[in-house]
N, C-alpha and C. Protein backbone atom coordinates (compact mmCIF):
# COMPACT_ATOMS: atom_id res chain seq x y z
N MET A 1 67.45 73.60 119.57
CA MET A 1 68.81 73.24 119.23
C MET A 1 69.44 72.49 120.41
N ARG A 2 70.19 71.48 120.10
CA ARG A 2 70.83 70.69 121.15
C ARG A 2 72.01 71.44 121.76
N LYS A 3 72.34 71.07 123.00
CA LYS A 3 73.51 71.66 123.64
C LYS A 3 74.78 71.02 123.11
N GLU A 4 74.71 69.73 122.77
CA GLU A 4 75.87 69.02 122.23
C GLU A 4 75.45 68.15 121.06
N TYR A 5 76.38 67.97 120.14
CA TYR A 5 76.16 67.09 119.00
C TYR A 5 77.26 66.04 118.97
N ASP A 6 76.93 64.85 118.51
CA ASP A 6 77.90 63.76 118.44
C ASP A 6 78.41 63.66 117.00
N PHE A 7 79.66 64.03 116.78
CA PHE A 7 80.28 63.97 115.46
C PHE A 7 81.24 62.78 115.33
N SER A 8 81.15 61.84 116.23
CA SER A 8 82.09 60.70 116.22
C SER A 8 81.94 59.83 114.97
N ASN A 9 80.77 59.81 114.35
CA ASN A 9 80.55 59.00 113.14
C ASN A 9 80.51 59.86 111.88
N SER A 10 80.98 61.07 111.96
CA SER A 10 80.92 61.97 110.81
C SER A 10 81.99 61.61 109.78
N VAL A 11 81.77 62.06 108.57
CA VAL A 11 82.69 61.81 107.45
C VAL A 11 83.27 63.15 107.01
N LYS A 12 84.57 63.18 106.76
CA LYS A 12 85.21 64.41 106.30
C LYS A 12 84.71 64.79 104.92
N ASN A 13 84.65 66.07 104.65
CA ASN A 13 84.21 66.58 103.36
C ASN A 13 85.28 66.25 102.32
N PRO A 14 84.94 65.46 101.28
CA PRO A 14 85.94 65.09 100.27
C PRO A 14 86.34 66.26 99.38
N TYR A 15 85.55 67.33 99.39
CA TYR A 15 85.84 68.48 98.53
C TYR A 15 86.60 69.59 99.26
N ALA A 16 86.92 69.39 100.51
CA ALA A 16 87.55 70.43 101.31
C ALA A 16 88.90 70.86 100.75
N LYS A 17 89.64 69.96 100.11
CA LYS A 17 90.95 70.30 99.56
C LYS A 17 90.83 71.09 98.26
N LYS A 18 89.66 71.10 97.64
CA LYS A 18 89.46 71.77 96.37
C LYS A 18 88.87 73.17 96.55
N VAL A 19 89.20 73.82 97.64
CA VAL A 19 88.68 75.15 97.91
C VAL A 19 89.26 76.14 96.91
N LYS A 20 88.41 77.01 96.42
CA LYS A 20 88.87 78.01 95.44
C LYS A 20 89.48 79.20 96.16
N GLN A 21 90.43 79.82 95.50
CA GLN A 21 91.11 80.99 96.05
C GLN A 21 90.58 82.24 95.37
N GLN A 22 90.16 83.20 96.15
CA GLN A 22 89.67 84.45 95.59
C GLN A 22 90.86 85.34 95.24
N ILE A 23 90.86 85.88 94.01
CA ILE A 23 91.91 86.78 93.56
C ILE A 23 91.29 88.00 92.89
N THR A 24 92.10 89.00 92.68
CA THR A 24 91.69 90.16 91.90
C THR A 24 92.50 90.14 90.61
N ILE A 25 91.83 90.26 89.49
CA ILE A 25 92.50 90.18 88.19
C ILE A 25 91.84 91.17 87.24
N ARG A 26 92.64 91.77 86.40
CA ARG A 26 92.11 92.71 85.41
C ARG A 26 92.04 91.98 84.07
N ILE A 27 90.83 91.93 83.52
CA ILE A 27 90.58 91.24 82.25
C ILE A 27 89.88 92.22 81.32
N ASP A 28 90.28 92.22 80.06
CA ASP A 28 89.65 93.09 79.07
C ASP A 28 88.15 92.87 79.05
N SER A 29 87.40 93.96 78.88
CA SER A 29 85.95 93.85 78.88
C SER A 29 85.45 92.99 77.72
N ASP A 30 86.16 93.00 76.57
CA ASP A 30 85.76 92.14 75.45
C ASP A 30 85.86 90.67 75.82
N THR A 31 86.88 90.32 76.57
CA THR A 31 87.07 88.94 77.00
C THR A 31 85.98 88.53 77.98
N VAL A 32 85.66 89.40 78.92
CA VAL A 32 84.61 89.11 79.89
C VAL A 32 83.27 88.96 79.17
N ASN A 33 82.99 89.86 78.23
CA ASN A 33 81.74 89.78 77.47
C ASN A 33 81.67 88.50 76.64
N TYR A 34 82.79 88.06 76.11
CA TYR A 34 82.83 86.81 75.35
C TYR A 34 82.41 85.64 76.24
N PHE A 35 82.99 85.57 77.44
CA PHE A 35 82.65 84.49 78.35
C PHE A 35 81.23 84.62 78.89
N LYS A 36 80.74 85.82 79.06
CA LYS A 36 79.35 86.01 79.48
C LYS A 36 78.38 85.50 78.42
N THR A 37 78.71 85.75 77.14
CA THR A 37 77.88 85.25 76.04
C THR A 37 77.90 83.73 76.01
N LEU A 38 79.10 83.14 76.14
CA LEU A 38 79.19 81.68 76.18
C LEU A 38 78.43 81.11 77.38
N ALA A 39 78.49 81.81 78.49
CA ALA A 39 77.81 81.36 79.71
C ALA A 39 76.30 81.35 79.52
N GLU A 40 75.77 82.37 78.87
CA GLU A 40 74.33 82.42 78.60
C GLU A 40 73.91 81.24 77.72
N GLN A 41 74.73 80.92 76.73
CA GLN A 41 74.43 79.82 75.81
C GLN A 41 74.49 78.46 76.50
N SER A 42 75.40 78.33 77.45
CA SER A 42 75.59 77.04 78.12
C SER A 42 74.77 76.91 79.40
N GLY A 43 74.24 78.03 79.91
CA GLY A 43 73.49 77.99 81.16
C GLY A 43 74.39 77.89 82.38
N MET A 44 75.64 78.28 82.23
CA MET A 44 76.63 78.20 83.30
C MET A 44 77.05 79.62 83.68
N ALA A 45 77.41 79.85 84.92
CA ALA A 45 77.90 81.17 85.33
C ALA A 45 79.22 81.47 84.61
N TYR A 46 79.40 82.73 84.21
CA TYR A 46 80.58 83.06 83.42
C TYR A 46 81.88 82.86 84.19
N GLN A 47 81.89 83.10 85.50
CA GLN A 47 83.12 82.89 86.27
C GLN A 47 83.44 81.41 86.37
N THR A 48 82.43 80.58 86.48
CA THR A 48 82.63 79.13 86.50
C THR A 48 83.17 78.67 85.16
N LEU A 49 82.64 79.23 84.08
CA LEU A 49 83.11 78.89 82.74
C LEU A 49 84.56 79.30 82.54
N MET A 50 84.92 80.48 83.00
CA MET A 50 86.31 80.94 82.89
C MET A 50 87.23 80.04 83.71
N ASN A 51 86.80 79.68 84.91
CA ASN A 51 87.60 78.80 85.76
C ASN A 51 87.78 77.43 85.11
N SER A 52 86.72 76.93 84.52
CA SER A 52 86.78 75.63 83.84
C SER A 52 87.78 75.67 82.69
N TYR A 53 87.73 76.75 81.92
CA TYR A 53 88.65 76.88 80.78
C TYR A 53 90.10 76.99 81.26
N LEU A 54 90.35 77.81 82.26
CA LEU A 54 91.71 77.96 82.78
C LEU A 54 92.22 76.67 83.41
N SER A 55 91.34 75.95 84.10
CA SER A 55 91.72 74.66 84.69
C SER A 55 92.11 73.66 83.60
N ASP A 56 91.34 73.65 82.52
CA ASP A 56 91.64 72.75 81.40
C ASP A 56 93.00 73.09 80.78
N CYS A 57 93.27 74.38 80.63
CA CYS A 57 94.58 74.80 80.10
C CYS A 57 95.71 74.35 81.02
N ALA A 58 95.50 74.48 82.32
CA ALA A 58 96.54 74.08 83.29
C ALA A 58 96.78 72.58 83.25
N VAL A 59 95.72 71.79 83.15
CA VAL A 59 95.85 70.33 83.10
C VAL A 59 96.60 69.89 81.85
N ARG A 60 96.30 70.57 80.72
CA ARG A 60 96.94 70.20 79.46
C ARG A 60 98.28 70.92 79.24
N HIS A 61 98.70 71.72 80.21
CA HIS A 61 99.97 72.47 80.13
C HIS A 61 100.03 73.36 78.89
N VAL A 62 98.92 74.03 78.61
CA VAL A 62 98.85 74.95 77.47
C VAL A 62 99.59 76.22 77.84
N LYS A 63 100.52 76.62 76.98
CA LYS A 63 101.27 77.85 77.22
C LYS A 63 100.75 78.93 76.28
N PRO A 64 100.55 80.14 76.78
CA PRO A 64 100.05 81.21 75.91
C PRO A 64 101.08 81.62 74.88
N GLN A 65 100.57 82.01 73.73
CA GLN A 65 101.45 82.52 72.67
C GLN A 65 101.43 84.04 72.79
N VAL A 66 102.52 84.60 73.29
CA VAL A 66 102.60 86.03 73.52
C VAL A 66 103.66 86.61 72.60
N SER A 67 103.30 87.70 71.93
CA SER A 67 104.28 88.41 71.11
C SER A 67 104.18 89.89 71.46
N TRP A 68 105.26 90.42 71.99
CA TRP A 68 105.30 91.84 72.38
C TRP A 68 105.71 92.65 71.19
N GLN A 69 104.96 93.71 70.95
CA GLN A 69 105.25 94.55 69.78
C GLN A 69 105.70 95.92 70.21
């Protein structure tokens, strides 16, 4: 390993601003199982699939339909 490296010609990571934030969230097990099933069918990780769906909702400004009973 070198003692010094020259980074003068390096390029900044274009994805650095798109860092994901880790959170804790409680989701119904039926919902998680639904996304796990979809993930198996698509070959995608279920958390990635959930993130993709939520991101799409945010981009399209989809508001949830909530009715309290």
